[in-house]
């Protein structure tokens, strides 16, 4: 892992994810735990370029879409506990699932469309909350 990757990961941990969680808290009254496999991103600057918007902010946007009313807010507050993210080299490993309060997002974050879409994430959550 080079200096660029270290700086980007540090910024995500200290600025981006705390800000995203503040926004999620404002939307629905809870802050999920983030479990990002940073080692899987460490050697992939391209993935680090995409995961901020296509991962962290996409999850926030999905939660905003779901939490437009009290039913959605309650569902997210009571159901979503943790978000797990991991980077893979191959697009075929793209996956989104939600089980036991854990939203898991796997993707080849550095590849075009190698990551779960907003609708995939939203449908997965809404089907299970």
Protein backbone atom coordinates (compact mmCIF):
# COMPACT_ATOMS: atom_id res chain seq x y z
CA UNK A 1 0.00 0.00 0.00
CA UNK A 2 1.37 3.34 -1.05
CA UNK A 3 1.05 6.77 0.46
CA UNK A 4 -1.94 7.69 -1.74
CA UNK A 5 -3.87 4.65 -0.57
CA UNK A 6 -2.94 5.27 3.09
CA UNK A 7 -4.10 8.87 2.90
CA UNK A 8 -7.36 7.95 1.20
CA UNK A 9 -8.17 5.23 3.73
CA UNK A 10 -7.30 7.57 6.61
CA UNK A 11 -9.64 10.22 5.18
CA UNK A 12 -12.45 7.67 4.81
CA UNK A 13 -12.03 6.52 8.41
CA UNK A 14 -11.69 9.95 10.00
CA UNK A 15 -13.86 12.19 7.80
CA UNK A 16 -16.08 10.43 5.26
CA UNK A 17 -17.62 7.60 7.31
CA UNK A 18 -18.25 9.77 10.40
CA UNK A 19 -19.96 12.33 8.13
CA UNK A 20 -22.03 9.64 6.39
CA UNK A 21 -23.08 8.26 9.78
CA UNK A 22 -24.10 11.74 10.97
CA UNK A 23 -26.27 12.08 7.87
CA UNK A 24 -27.79 8.62 8.42
CA UNK A 25 -28.50 9.52 12.06
CA UNK A 26 -30.27 12.68 10.90
CA UNK A 27 -32.35 10.61 8.46
CA UNK A 28 -33.50 7.83 10.75
CA UNK A 29 -32.10 8.22 14.26
CA UNK A 30 -29.40 5.55 14.24
CA UNK A 31 -25.81 5.05 13.12
CA UNK A 32 -24.82 1.67 11.68
CA UNK A 33 -21.45 0.12 12.38
CA UNK A 34 -19.16 0.01 9.33
CA UNK A 35 -16.89 -2.97 8.84
CA UNK A 36 -14.78 -2.21 5.77
CA UNK A 37 -12.11 -4.71 4.78
CA UNK A 38 -9.47 -2.04 4.22
CA UNK A 39 -6.85 -4.65 3.30
CA UNK A 40 -8.92 -5.63 0.27
CA UNK A 41 -8.85 -1.99 -0.90
CA UNK A 42 -5.24 -1.22 0.09
CA UNK A 43 -3.59 -2.10 -3.22
CA UNK A 44 -6.39 -0.84 -5.46
CA UNK A 45 -6.37 2.95 -5.85
CA UNK A 46 -9.06 2.66 -8.52
CA UNK A 47 -11.38 0.96 -6.03
CA UNK A 48 -10.64 3.68 -3.48
CA UNK A 49 -11.60 6.26 -6.11
CA UNK A 50 -15.03 4.67 -6.56
CA UNK A 51 -16.00 3.36 -3.13
CA UNK A 52 -16.67 6.78 -1.65
CA UNK A 53 -19.47 7.66 -4.07
CA UNK A 54 -20.54 4.21 -5.22
CA UNK A 55 -20.34 2.64 -1.77
CA UNK A 56 -20.55 4.95 1.24
CA UNK A 57 -22.72 7.68 -0.30
CA UNK A 58 -24.81 5.15 -2.20
CA UNK A 59 -25.73 3.43 1.07
CA UNK A 60 -26.62 6.82 2.57
CA UNK A 61 -28.80 7.60 -0.46
CA UNK A 62 -30.59 4.25 -0.19
CA UNK A 63 -31.29 4.91 3.48
CA UNK A 64 -32.61 8.37 2.54
CA UNK A 65 -34.91 6.74 -0.03
CA UNK A 66 -36.22 4.23 2.50
CA UNK A 67 -36.59 6.68 5.40
CA UNK A 68 -39.03 9.08 3.74
CA UNK A 69 -41.71 8.11 6.26
CA UNK A 70 -41.94 6.81 9.84
CA UNK A 71 -42.38 3.21 8.68
CA UNK A 72 -39.09 3.30 6.77
CA UNK A 73 -37.29 5.07 9.62
CA UNK A 74 -38.48 2.48 12.11
CA UNK A 75 -37.52 -0.38 9.80
CA UNK A 76 -33.97 0.91 9.33
CA UNK A 77 -33.58 1.83 13.01
CA UNK A 78 -34.68 -1.60 14.19
CA UNK A 79 -33.23 -3.72 11.41
CA UNK A 80 -29.90 -2.35 10.17
CA UNK A 81 -27.02 -2.85 12.55
CA UNK A 82 -23.88 -3.19 10.45
CA UNK A 83 -22.59 -2.59 6.93
CA UNK A 84 -19.80 -4.87 5.70
CA UNK A 85 -17.85 -3.97 2.56
CA UNK A 86 -15.12 -5.85 0.74
CA UNK A 87 -13.28 -5.30 -2.53
CA UNK A 88 -12.65 -8.10 -5.01
CA UNK A 89 -10.62 -8.21 -8.19
CA UNK A 90 -13.33 -9.77 -10.32
CA UNK A 91 -16.75 -8.29 -11.14
CA UNK A 92 -18.34 -11.75 -10.83
CA UNK A 93 -17.89 -11.42 -7.06
CA UNK A 94 -20.35 -8.49 -6.91
CA UNK A 95 -22.96 -9.28 -4.30
CA UNK A 96 -25.39 -7.63 -1.92
CA UNK A 97 -27.21 -9.39 0.90
CA UNK A 98 -28.94 -8.53 4.14
CA UNK A 99 -29.13 -11.04 6.98
CA UNK A 100 -29.40 -10.69 10.74
CA UNK A 101 -29.09 -6.91 10.58
CA UNK A 102 -25.93 -7.01 8.45
CA UNK A 103 -25.87 -5.43 5.00
CA UNK A 104 -23.00 -7.01 3.05
CA UNK A 105 -21.70 -5.31 -0.09
CA UNK A 106 -19.06 -7.09 -2.12
CA UNK A 107 -17.78 -5.71 -5.36
CA UNK A 108 -14.92 -5.05 -7.69
CA UNK A 109 -15.14 -1.40 -6.68
CA UNK A 110 -12.48 -0.29 -9.17
CA UNK A 111 -14.30 -1.73 -12.20
CA UNK A 112 -17.10 0.00 -14.06
CA UNK A 113 -20.32 -1.38 -12.63
CA UNK A 114 -18.40 -3.93 -10.61
CA UNK A 115 -20.30 -2.87 -7.49
CA UNK A 116 -23.92 -3.24 -6.36
CA UNK A 117 -26.36 -0.73 -7.82
CA UNK A 118 -28.51 1.58 -5.73
CA UNK A 119 -31.63 -0.36 -6.71
CA UNK A 120 -30.00 -3.70 -5.79
CA UNK A 121 -29.13 -2.36 -2.34
CA UNK A 122 -32.51 -0.73 -1.79
CA UNK A 123 -34.49 -3.76 -2.97
CA UNK A 124 -32.42 -6.08 -0.78
CA UNK A 125 -33.01 -3.92 2.29
CA UNK A 126 -36.70 -3.27 1.65
CA UNK A 127 -37.37 -6.97 1.06
CA UNK A 128 -35.91 -7.85 4.46
CA UNK A 129 -36.66 -4.95 6.80
